[in-house]
Amino acid sequence: MPIIIDEVVISVEVGNREAGGDNSPAAPVGDRQVLVEECVARVLEILRDREEP
């Protein structure tokens, strides 16, 4: 029996020190760029898989 996924939910938590949020230091720009690229690649892969019969 195939499993059908109708919806993909992506949630992100962002800390804001000025508003009393997360006290951890921000990731270096290079690390953030790599993380964003990896997330985009995974989302595109999921979307491609959904289009295949």
N, C-alpha and C. Protein backbone atom coordinates (compact mmCIF):
# COMPACT_ATOMS: atom_id res chain seq x y z
N MET A 1 0.85 -1.17 0.00
CA MET A 1 0.00 0.00 0.00
C MET A 1 0.90 1.24 0.00
N PRO A 2 0.78 2.10 -0.99
CA PRO A 2 1.62 3.29 -1.05
C PRO A 2 1.22 4.32 0.00
N ILE A 3 2.19 5.09 0.42
CA ILE A 3 1.95 6.19 1.36
C ILE A 3 1.97 7.48 0.57
N ILE A 4 0.95 8.31 0.74
CA ILE A 4 0.86 9.58 0.02
C ILE A 4 1.03 10.72 1.02
N ILE A 5 1.97 11.60 0.73
CA ILE A 5 2.19 12.78 1.57
C ILE A 5 1.52 13.96 0.89
N ASP A 6 0.54 14.54 1.57
CA ASP A 6 -0.22 15.65 1.00
C ASP A 6 0.41 17.01 1.29
N GLU A 7 1.21 17.08 2.32
CA GLU A 7 1.71 18.39 2.73
C GLU A 7 3.08 18.24 3.37
N VAL A 8 3.97 19.18 3.09
CA VAL A 8 5.28 19.22 3.72
C VAL A 8 5.33 20.49 4.55
N VAL A 9 5.63 20.35 5.83
CA VAL A 9 5.68 21.50 6.73
C VAL A 9 7.13 21.72 7.13
N ILE A 10 7.60 22.93 6.93
CA ILE A 10 8.95 23.30 7.31
C ILE A 10 8.84 24.39 8.37
N SER A 11 9.42 24.15 9.53
CA SER A 11 9.38 25.16 10.58
C SER A 11 10.79 25.55 10.97
N VAL A 12 10.97 26.80 11.30
CA VAL A 12 12.28 27.34 11.64
C VAL A 12 12.15 28.16 12.91
N GLU A 13 13.11 28.01 13.81
CA GLU A 13 13.14 28.84 15.00
C GLU A 13 14.31 29.79 14.88
N VAL A 14 14.05 31.06 15.08
CA VAL A 14 15.09 32.07 14.98
C VAL A 14 15.16 32.80 16.30
N GLY A 15 16.35 32.88 16.87
CA GLY A 15 16.53 33.59 18.13
C GLY A 15 16.83 35.05 17.88
N ASN A 16 16.35 35.89 18.78
CA ASN A 16 16.59 37.32 18.67
C ASN A 16 17.05 37.81 20.04
N ARG A 17 18.36 38.02 20.18
CA ARG A 17 18.91 38.42 21.47
C ARG A 17 18.34 39.75 21.95
N GLU A 18 18.10 40.69 21.06
CA GLU A 18 17.58 41.99 21.46
C GLU A 18 16.19 41.86 22.07
N ALA A 19 15.42 40.87 21.66
CA ALA A 19 14.07 40.68 22.18
C ALA A 19 14.05 39.65 23.31
N GLY A 20 15.23 39.28 23.81
CA GLY A 20 15.30 38.31 24.91
C GLY A 20 15.28 36.88 24.44
N GLY A 21 15.63 36.63 23.21
CA GLY A 21 15.62 35.28 22.65
C GLY A 21 16.88 34.52 23.00
N ASP A 22 17.29 33.68 22.11
CA ASP A 22 18.44 32.80 22.28
C ASP A 22 19.72 33.58 22.57
N ASN A 23 20.51 33.09 23.52
CA ASN A 23 21.77 33.76 23.86
C ASN A 23 22.97 33.16 23.16
N SER A 24 22.77 32.17 22.30
CA SER A 24 23.90 31.56 21.61
C SER A 24 24.40 32.51 20.52
N PRO A 25 25.71 32.50 20.28
CA PRO A 25 26.25 33.39 19.25
C PRO A 25 25.78 32.98 17.85
N ALA A 26 25.68 33.96 16.99
CA ALA A 26 25.24 33.69 15.61
C ALA A 26 26.30 32.85 14.88
N ALA A 27 25.84 31.98 14.00
CA ALA A 27 26.76 31.16 13.21
C ALA A 27 27.48 32.04 12.20
N PRO A 28 28.73 31.71 11.90
CA PRO A 28 29.43 32.47 10.87
C PRO A 28 28.67 32.44 9.55
N VAL A 29 28.84 33.47 8.75
CA VAL A 29 28.09 33.61 7.50
C VAL A 29 28.30 32.39 6.60
N GLY A 30 29.50 31.88 6.51
CA GLY A 30 29.78 30.72 5.67
C GLY A 30 28.99 29.50 6.10
N ASP A 31 28.91 29.26 7.42
CA ASP A 31 28.15 28.13 7.94
C ASP A 31 26.66 28.28 7.64
N ARG A 32 26.15 29.49 7.77
CA ARG A 32 24.73 29.73 7.48
C ARG A 32 24.44 29.48 6.01
N GLN A 33 25.35 29.91 5.14
CA GLN A 33 25.15 29.72 3.71
C GLN A 33 25.11 28.23 3.36
N VAL A 34 25.99 27.46 3.96
CA VAL A 34 26.02 26.01 3.71
C VAL A 34 24.72 25.38 4.20
N LEU A 35 24.24 25.80 5.37
CA LEU A 35 23.00 25.27 5.92
C LEU A 35 21.82 25.60 5.02
N VAL A 36 21.75 26.84 4.54
CA VAL A 36 20.65 27.24 3.65
C VAL A 36 20.71 26.44 2.36
N GLU A 37 21.88 26.26 1.79
CA GLU A 37 22.01 25.48 0.55
C GLU A 37 21.57 24.04 0.75
N GLU A 38 21.92 23.45 1.90
CA GLU A 38 21.52 22.08 2.18
C GLU A 38 20.00 21.98 2.33
N CYS A 39 19.40 22.94 3.01
CA CYS A 39 17.94 22.94 3.18
C CYS A 39 17.23 23.07 1.83
N VAL A 40 17.71 23.97 0.99
CA VAL A 40 17.10 24.16 -0.33
C VAL A 40 17.22 22.88 -1.16
N ALA A 41 18.38 22.24 -1.11
CA ALA A 41 18.58 21.00 -1.86
C ALA A 41 17.61 19.92 -1.40
N ARG A 42 17.41 19.80 -0.09
CA ARG A 42 16.50 18.77 0.43
C ARG A 42 15.05 19.07 0.04
N VAL A 43 14.65 20.33 0.11
CA VAL A 43 13.28 20.69 -0.27
C VAL A 43 13.06 20.40 -1.75
N LEU A 44 14.02 20.76 -2.60
CA LEU A 44 13.88 20.49 -4.03
C LEU A 44 13.82 19.00 -4.30
N GLU A 45 14.57 18.22 -3.57
CA GLU A 45 14.55 16.76 -3.72
C GLU A 45 13.17 16.21 -3.35
N ILE A 46 12.60 16.70 -2.26
CA ILE A 46 11.27 16.26 -1.84
C ILE A 46 10.24 16.62 -2.90
N LEU A 47 10.32 17.83 -3.44
CA LEU A 47 9.37 18.26 -4.46
C LEU A 47 9.50 17.42 -5.72
N ARG A 48 10.74 17.10 -6.11
CA ARG A 48 10.96 16.24 -7.29
C ARG A 48 10.36 14.86 -7.06
N ASP A 49 10.55 14.32 -5.85
CA ASP A 49 10.02 12.99 -5.54
C ASP A 49 8.50 12.98 -5.58
N ARG A 50 7.88 14.09 -5.21
CA ARG A 50 6.42 14.16 -5.22
C ARG A 50 5.87 14.17 -6.63
N GLU A 51 6.63 14.69 -7.59
CA GLU A 51 6.18 14.79 -8.97
C GLU A 51 6.35 13.48 -9.74
N GLU A 52 7.24 12.59 -9.26
CA GLU A 52 7.47 11.33 -9.95
C GLU A 52 6.30 10.38 -9.71
N PRO A 53 5.91 9.64 -10.77
CA PRO A 53 4.77 8.70 -10.62
C PRO A 53 5.12 7.50 -9.75
